[in-house]
Amino acid sequence: MTLFPLLIPILALSPPVQEPDSLSPGTTLVASSETRATDHAPIGVMGDHTHRAGEWMVSVRSMCMSMTGLRDGSTDLTPNALLGNPMMGTGYLSVPTSMTMDMLMFGAMYAPSDELTLMAMVPYSRKDMNLTHTSGATFSTRTEGLGDVSLTALHDVSEEVHVALGLSIPTGSTTERDTALGMGGVPTDVRLPYPMQLGSGTFDLRPGVTWTRRTDDWSFGAQGTYVARIDENEEGYALGDEVHATAWVARNLASHWSVSARLAYLDRGNIDGTDETQGTPGGMPPAIALPNADPNLQGARRMDLFLGVNHVTPDGHRLALEVGTPVMEHLDGPQMSTDWIATIGWQWSF
């Protein structure tokens, strides 16, 4: 919230784009065909627009999320309060203390007709987690690789509304392993917990609807999407369903620049089923080895505030940056708490 006031003087001092006399207040279409920085949503929003027949767009996004500390509900917790002897029922063997997730998202869009746009997204991720062992030692784990590829069809309902139906394909691994500290602090090869895996392992339906409205100076938008897990994966579980909702406003500045503000809400359910091979070997149940191996401690409700800047060139290249932080977070914890999220991206329409 502390960054939001910085946006106010930028909006107030920026020179507005003059409206033609022929446009009445509230007109949604821009009279000029000039490309504007606000023609697309902030870079953190996927599937926000459609294309005319024969048009292509390719994109690359680099996204980073940083998490630090542990939270149960809205209460912050310390690692020492959670560590103990899990076999005696006094705490966890290990707890995470920080985590970063870096993702490259490659995208392509093509419109076979004016009403239909097809979209494909291919993610490549690296996840790093630092943990503290009950002995006081620290260690880290890492995974890296291809995530779940998604294919989506976008259909225009009106000039301002389009609907989407996507399918996520389980191309990401759910069996990633690394070295962790087991009983007595002995390094042990283990299957890593749910947040460190690269994919869901399931085919997931992704329906959604997007509304956008644009004037000469401003653009507005809202989007709602749902992630529905079709069945359990081969490891015996299904990640929780997810509800995503976001709304944004952007203002054009001079020379093909714009700034944006966006709110994004996430509601994620707990995991259905259990991967009994996660955590540590030797018969210890994963859920008592560390909290992020417990399927009942994965749900979350979070509201993020994002600020962004966007630049577009006359030949269809778009560069954008968006940075956000939670303004509300309630976790079915103990669970990692989000610090900040950043996305930088390039898009090219032709």
Protein backbone atom coordinates (compact mmCIF):
# COMPACT_ATOMS: atom_id res chain seq x y z
CA MET A 1 0.00 0.00 0.00
CA THR A 2 2.92 2.40 0.59
CA LEU A 3 3.70 2.50 -3.15
CA PHE A 4 0.22 3.55 -4.25
CA PRO A 5 0.61 7.30 -3.44
CA LEU A 6 3.57 7.43 -5.84
CA LEU A 7 1.16 6.77 -8.71
CA ILE A 8 -1.06 9.76 -7.94
CA PRO A 9 1.33 12.60 -8.96
CA ILE A 10 2.26 10.70 -12.13
CA LEU A 11 -1.39 10.51 -13.17
CA ALA A 12 -2.05 14.12 -12.21
CA LEU A 13 0.94 15.65 -14.01
CA SER A 14 0.95 13.54 -17.16
CA PRO A 15 -0.27 15.31 -20.32
CA PRO A 16 -3.61 13.85 -21.42
CA VAL A 17 -4.31 12.65 -24.93
CA GLN A 18 -6.82 15.07 -26.50
CA GLU A 19 -10.25 13.64 -27.33
CA PRO A 20 -11.57 14.32 -30.84
CA ASP A 21 -14.69 16.49 -30.91
CA SER A 22 -16.62 13.62 -32.50
CA LEU A 23 -16.28 11.39 -29.46
CA SER A 24 -18.77 11.78 -26.66
CA PRO A 25 -17.87 11.16 -23.00
CA GLY A 26 -17.69 7.46 -22.14
CA THR A 27 -17.00 6.34 -25.73
CA THR A 28 -15.31 2.94 -25.64
CA LEU A 29 -13.62 3.01 -29.05
CA VAL A 30 -10.61 5.19 -29.87
CA ALA A 31 -11.12 7.17 -33.07
CA SER A 32 -7.49 6.76 -34.16
CA SER A 33 -5.90 3.45 -35.13
CA GLU A 34 -2.70 4.52 -33.33
CA THR A 35 -1.28 1.82 -31.08
CA ARG A 36 -1.53 2.79 -27.42
CA ALA A 37 0.25 1.42 -24.37
CA THR A 38 -3.14 0.79 -22.73
CA ASP A 39 -4.46 -1.41 -25.57
CA HIS A 40 -3.46 -4.45 -23.50
CA ALA A 41 -3.87 -5.18 -19.79
CA PRO A 42 -0.91 -5.00 -17.38
CA ILE A 43 1.72 -7.63 -18.19
CA GLY A 44 0.71 -9.85 -15.24
CA VAL A 45 -2.71 -10.58 -16.82
CA MET A 46 -2.97 -13.49 -19.29
CA GLY A 47 -5.58 -13.80 -22.04
CA ASP A 48 -6.78 -10.21 -21.61
CA HIS A 49 -7.38 -9.44 -25.31
CA THR A 50 -8.24 -11.01 -28.66
CA HIS A 51 -6.97 -10.39 -32.20
CA ARG A 52 -8.39 -9.85 -35.68
CA ALA A 53 -8.33 -12.64 -38.24
CA GLY A 54 -4.81 -13.55 -39.32
CA GLU A 55 -3.03 -11.66 -36.56
CA TRP A 56 -0.27 -13.21 -34.42
CA MET A 57 1.30 -12.24 -31.13
CA VAL A 58 4.33 -13.78 -29.45
CA SER A 59 5.43 -12.99 -25.90
CA VAL A 60 8.01 -13.73 -23.23
CA ARG A 61 7.41 -12.98 -19.56
CA SER A 62 9.90 -13.29 -16.71
CA MET A 63 8.11 -13.64 -13.37
CA CYS A 64 9.59 -13.81 -9.89
CA MET A 65 7.90 -14.44 -6.54
CA SER A 66 9.67 -14.09 -3.20
CA MET A 67 8.36 -15.66 0.02
CA THR A 68 9.78 -15.26 3.52
CA GLY A 69 8.62 -16.52 6.89
CA LEU A 70 5.66 -18.60 7.97
CA ARG A 71 2.04 -17.72 8.60
CA ASP A 72 -1.03 -19.48 9.98
CA GLY A 73 -4.20 -17.59 9.14
CA SER A 74 -3.05 -13.98 9.39
CA THR A 75 -0.56 -14.66 12.23
CA ASP A 76 3.18 -14.76 11.58
CA LEU A 77 5.13 -17.63 13.14
CA THR A 78 8.81 -18.26 13.91
CA PRO A 79 10.63 -21.48 12.88
CA ASN A 80 11.58 -22.20 16.51
CA ALA A 81 7.92 -22.28 17.47
CA LEU A 82 7.30 -25.07 14.96
CA LEU A 83 10.41 -27.25 15.21
CA GLY A 84 10.60 -30.26 17.50
CA ASN A 85 10.54 -34.05 17.49
CA PRO A 86 7.72 -35.09 15.14
CA MET A 87 7.87 -38.72 16.26
CA MET A 88 7.02 -37.50 19.77
CA GLY A 89 4.33 -35.15 18.49
CA THR A 90 6.20 -32.00 19.55
CA GLY A 91 6.79 -30.27 16.21
CA TYR A 92 8.15 -30.61 12.70
CA LEU A 93 11.47 -32.10 11.62
CA SER A 94 12.12 -29.16 9.23
CA VAL A 95 10.37 -25.92 8.32
CA PRO A 96 10.88 -23.62 5.31
CA THR A 97 12.22 -20.12 5.97
CA SER A 98 12.33 -18.57 2.48
CA MET A 99 11.56 -19.46 -1.12
CA THR A 100 11.90 -17.90 -4.56
CA MET A 101 10.19 -18.97 -7.76
CA ASP A 102 11.48 -17.73 -11.12
CA MET A 103 9.47 -18.51 -14.24
CA LEU A 104 9.89 -17.84 -17.94
CA MET A 105 6.53 -17.93 -19.71
CA PHE A 106 6.59 -18.26 -23.51
CA GLY A 107 3.33 -17.43 -25.24
CA ALA A 108 1.78 -17.32 -28.70
CA MET A 109 -1.63 -16.12 -29.90
CA TYR A 110 -3.24 -16.52 -33.33
CA ALA A 111 -6.68 -15.51 -34.58
CA PRO A 112 -8.17 -17.79 -37.27
CA SER A 113 -11.20 -15.45 -37.37
CA ASP A 114 -12.32 -12.12 -35.95
CA GLU A 115 -14.34 -13.90 -33.24
CA LEU A 116 -11.84 -16.59 -32.21
CA THR A 117 -8.28 -16.31 -30.86
CA LEU A 118 -6.15 -19.29 -29.89
CA MET A 119 -3.47 -19.05 -27.20
CA ALA A 120 -0.67 -21.35 -26.01
CA MET A 121 1.49 -20.78 -22.90
CA VAL A 122 4.67 -22.74 -22.06
CA PRO A 123 6.26 -22.15 -18.60
CA TYR A 124 9.79 -23.00 -17.47
CA SER A 125 10.39 -22.65 -13.71
CA ARG A 126 13.11 -22.75 -11.10
CA LYS A 127 12.23 -22.99 -7.41
CA ASP A 128 14.65 -22.54 -4.51
CA MET A 129 13.67 -23.18 -0.88
CA ASN A 130 15.72 -22.64 2.28
CA LEU A 131 14.84 -24.68 5.38
CA THR A 132 15.83 -25.02 9.02
CA HIS A 133 16.22 -28.46 10.62
CA THR A 134 15.24 -29.25 14.21
CA SER A 135 18.97 -29.71 14.95
CA GLY A 136 19.55 -26.05 14.10
CA ALA A 137 21.24 -26.82 10.77
CA THR A 138 20.04 -25.17 7.57
CA PHE A 139 19.80 -26.59 4.06
CA SER A 140 18.24 -25.79 0.71
CA THR A 141 16.46 -27.62 -2.08
CA ARG A 142 15.95 -26.75 -5.76
CA THR A 143 13.85 -27.86 -8.71
CA GLU A 144 13.98 -26.66 -12.30
CA GLY A 145 12.22 -27.61 -15.50
CA LEU A 146 9.17 -27.41 -17.74
CA GLY A 147 5.82 -26.68 -16.13
CA ASP A 148 2.28 -27.44 -17.32
CA VAL A 149 1.54 -26.24 -20.86
CA SER A 150 -1.85 -24.58 -21.39
CA LEU A 151 -3.98 -24.21 -24.51
CA THR A 152 -6.85 -21.71 -24.55
CA ALA A 153 -9.58 -20.56 -26.95
CA LEU A 154 -10.84 -16.97 -26.57
CA HIS A 155 -14.21 -16.07 -28.08
CA ASP A 156 -15.55 -12.52 -28.43
CA VAL A 157 -19.04 -12.04 -27.01
CA SER A 158 -19.12 -8.29 -27.67
CA GLU A 159 -16.69 -5.40 -28.23
CA GLU A 160 -16.01 -5.33 -24.49
CA VAL A 161 -16.38 -8.97 -23.36
CA HIS A 162 -14.76 -12.24 -24.33
CA VAL A 163 -14.91 -15.68 -22.75
CA ALA A 164 -12.14 -18.26 -22.51
CA LEU A 165 -11.91 -22.02 -22.19
CA GLY A 166 -8.46 -23.39 -21.45
CA LEU A 167 -6.94 -26.79 -20.83
CA SER A 168 -3.76 -27.30 -18.80
CA ILE A 169 -1.72 -30.33 -19.89
CA PRO A 170 0.34 -32.15 -17.20
CA THR A 171 3.78 -31.70 -18.76
CA GLY A 172 5.38 -30.58 -15.48
CA SER A 173 7.00 -33.13 -13.16
CA THR A 174 5.38 -34.17 -9.86
CA THR A 175 8.22 -36.48 -8.79
CA GLU A 176 11.10 -34.02 -8.25
CA ARG A 177 13.72 -35.05 -5.68
CA ASP A 178 16.63 -33.41 -3.85
CA THR A 179 18.76 -33.85 -0.73
CA ALA A 180 17.20 -32.88 2.61
CA LEU A 181 18.16 -33.44 6.25
CA GLY A 182 16.45 -36.48 7.75
CA MET A 183 16.39 -37.82 11.30
CA GLY A 184 19.60 -36.98 13.14
CA GLY A 185 20.48 -34.40 10.51
CA VAL A 186 21.62 -37.05 8.01
CA PRO A 187 21.47 -35.89 4.36
CA THR A 188 18.80 -37.96 2.62
CA ASP A 189 17.45 -38.09 -0.92
CA VAL A 190 13.70 -37.35 -0.73
CA ARG A 191 10.75 -36.54 -2.97
CA LEU A 192 10.14 -32.84 -2.45
CA PRO A 193 6.84 -31.44 -1.08
CA TYR A 194 3.96 -30.09 -3.15
CA PRO A 195 5.10 -26.43 -3.53
CA MET A 196 8.44 -27.56 -4.98
CA GLN A 197 6.96 -29.74 -7.73
CA LEU A 198 6.84 -28.31 -11.27
CA GLY A 199 3.32 -29.33 -12.32
CA SER A 200 -0.07 -30.46 -11.12
CA GLY A 201 0.05 -33.92 -12.70
CA THR A 202 -3.57 -33.48 -13.81
CA PHE A 203 -5.50 -32.15 -16.79
CA ASP A 204 -7.08 -28.93 -15.57
CA LEU A 205 -9.97 -26.94 -17.06
CA ARG A 206 -9.49 -23.16 -17.07
CA PRO A 207 -12.65 -21.23 -17.95
CA GLY A 208 -12.71 -17.45 -17.70
CA VAL A 209 -14.35 -14.19 -18.72
CA THR A 210 -12.74 -10.78 -19.38
CA TRP A 211 -14.27 -7.30 -19.67
CA THR A 212 -12.33 -4.30 -21.01
CA ARG A 213 -13.25 -0.70 -21.78
CA ARG A 214 -11.03 1.94 -23.36
CA THR A 215 -11.16 5.69 -23.90
CA ASP A 216 -8.48 7.98 -25.31
CA ASP A 217 -6.81 8.52 -21.95
CA TRP A 218 -7.80 5.51 -19.86
CA SER A 219 -8.42 1.79 -20.02
CA PHE A 220 -10.24 -0.40 -17.52
CA GLY A 221 -10.61 -4.13 -17.20
CA ALA A 222 -11.68 -7.03 -15.04
CA GLN A 223 -11.12 -10.76 -15.37
CA GLY A 224 -12.28 -13.86 -13.54
CA THR A 225 -10.82 -17.33 -14.08
CA TYR A 226 -11.24 -20.74 -12.46
CA VAL A 227 -8.86 -23.72 -12.33
CA ALA A 228 -10.71 -27.03 -11.97
CA ARG A 229 -8.69 -30.23 -11.41
CA ILE A 230 -10.31 -33.01 -13.43
CA ASP A 231 -8.95 -36.01 -11.48
CA GLU A 232 -6.17 -37.18 -9.17
CA ASN A 233 -2.67 -37.57 -10.60
CA GLU A 234 -0.55 -40.72 -10.63
CA GLU A 235 0.85 -39.85 -7.18
CA GLY A 236 -2.63 -40.04 -5.65
CA TYR A 237 -3.63 -36.40 -5.17
CA ALA A 238 -5.11 -33.37 -6.90
CA LEU A 239 -4.08 -29.81 -6.17
CA GLY A 240 -6.81 -27.54 -4.86
CA ASP A 241 -9.11 -25.72 -7.26
CA GLU A 242 -8.33 -22.03 -7.71
CA VAL A 243 -10.38 -18.86 -8.18
CA HIS A 244 -8.60 -15.84 -9.67
CA ALA A 245 -10.16 -12.38 -9.97
CA THR A 246 -8.44 -9.16 -11.01
CA ALA A 247 -9.37 -5.59 -11.95
CA TRP A 248 -7.15 -2.84 -13.32
CA VAL A 249 -7.00 0.74 -14.51
CA ALA A 250 -4.35 2.27 -16.77
CA ARG A 251 -3.64 5.80 -18.00
CA ASN A 252 -1.88 6.82 -21.19
CA LEU A 253 1.08 9.16 -20.90
CA ALA A 254 2.99 10.95 -23.64
CA SER A 255 5.14 9.10 -26.19
CA HIS A 256 3.46 5.67 -26.04
CA TRP A 257 3.86 5.16 -22.31
CA SER A 258 1.26 4.26 -19.69
CA VAL A 259 1.02 3.45 -15.98
CA SER A 260 -1.34 0.99 -14.36
CA ALA A 261 -2.72 -0.12 -11.00
CA ARG A 262 -4.28 -3.53 -10.42
CA LEU A 263 -5.83 -5.61 -7.64
CA ALA A 264 -5.64 -9.42 -7.88
CA TYR A 265 -7.44 -11.94 -5.66
CA LEU A 266 -6.55 -15.62 -5.26
CA ASP A 267 -8.57 -18.30 -3.48
CA ARG A 268 -6.84 -21.70 -3.51
CA GLY A 269 -8.23 -24.83 -1.91
CA ASN A 270 -6.38 -27.55 -0.02
CA ILE A 271 -5.10 -30.69 -1.75
CA ASP A 272 -7.41 -33.66 -2.24
CA GLY A 273 -5.51 -36.89 -1.55
CA THR A 274 -1.91 -37.43 -0.42
CA ASP A 275 1.47 -38.25 -1.91
CA GLU A 276 2.72 -40.58 0.83
CA THR A 277 6.26 -40.67 -0.61
CA GLN A 278 7.02 -37.01 0.16
CA GLY A 279 9.10 -35.88 3.13
CA THR A 280 11.56 -38.32 4.70
CA PRO A 281 12.02 -42.10 4.34
CA GLY A 282 11.86 -44.62 7.13
CA GLY A 283 8.12 -44.68 7.70
CA MET A 284 7.70 -41.06 8.90
CA PRO A 285 4.43 -39.60 7.54
CA PRO A 286 5.22 -36.63 5.27
CA ALA A 287 2.75 -34.31 7.01
CA ILE A 288 4.69 -34.48 10.31
CA ALA A 289 8.09 -34.11 8.65
CA LEU A 290 7.44 -30.56 7.40
CA PRO A 291 4.31 -28.42 7.04
CA ASN A 292 4.46 -27.98 3.25
CA ALA A 293 4.13 -31.77 2.84
CA ASP A 294 0.72 -31.67 4.54
CA PRO A 295 -2.10 -31.61 1.93
CA ASN A 296 -4.39 -29.88 4.43
CA LEU A 297 -2.04 -26.90 4.79
CA GLN A 298 -2.03 -25.64 1.20
CA GLY A 299 -5.14 -23.43 1.01
CA ALA A 300 -4.77 -19.65 0.71
CA ARG A 301 -6.72 -16.44 0.22
CA ARG A 302 -4.69 -13.43 -0.88
CA MET A 303 -5.22 -9.95 -2.33
CA ASP A 304 -2.28 -8.34 -4.14
CA LEU A 305 -1.79 -4.72 -5.22
CA PHE A 306 0.25 -4.18 -8.40
CA LEU A 307 1.70 -1.06 -10.01
CA GLY A 308 2.95 -1.18 -13.58
CA VAL A 309 4.54 0.75 -16.42
CA ASN A 310 4.08 -0.05 -20.12
CA HIS A 311 5.69 1.09 -23.37
CA VAL A 312 4.63 0.35 -26.94
CA THR A 313 6.37 1.06 -30.25
CA PRO A 314 4.62 1.91 -33.54
CA ASP A 315 5.66 -1.44 -35.05
CA GLY A 316 3.84 -3.50 -32.40
CA HIS A 317 6.50 -4.21 -29.78
CA ARG A 318 5.41 -3.84 -26.17
CA LEU A 319 7.62 -3.77 -23.05
CA ALA A 320 6.05 -3.81 -19.60
CA LEU A 321 6.89 -4.14 -15.91
CA GLU A 322 4.57 -4.85 -12.98
CA VAL A 323 5.46 -5.17 -9.29
CA GLY A 324 3.09 -6.15 -6.49
CA THR A 325 2.79 -7.09 -2.86
CA PRO A 326 -0.01 -8.61 -0.76
CA VAL A 327 -2.40 -6.28 1.02
CA MET A 328 -4.30 -9.22 2.55
CA GLU A 329 -3.16 -12.79 3.11
CA HIS A 330 -4.87 -15.62 5.00
CA LEU A 331 -3.17 -19.02 4.87
CA ASP A 332 -4.20 -22.50 5.96
CA GLY A 333 -0.79 -22.78 7.58
CA PRO A 334 1.84 -23.00 8.73
CA GLN A 335 2.67 -21.92 5.18
CA MET A 336 5.13 -19.62 3.40
CA SER A 337 4.09 -15.95 3.28
CA THR A 338 4.45 -13.94 0.05
CA ASP A 339 6.69 -10.84 0.09
CA TRP A 340 6.51 -9.53 -3.47
CA ILE A 341 5.80 -10.52 -7.07
CA ALA A 342 7.34 -8.97 -10.19
CA THR A 343 6.77 -9.54 -13.90
CA ILE A 344 8.67 -8.06 -16.84
CA GLY A 345 7.64 -8.92 -20.35
CA TRP A 346 7.89 -8.39 -24.10
CA GLN A 347 5.04 -8.80 -26.59
CA TRP A 348 5.06 -8.44 -30.37
CA SER A 349 1.92 -8.28 -32.46
CA PHE A 350 2.07 -8.71 -36.24
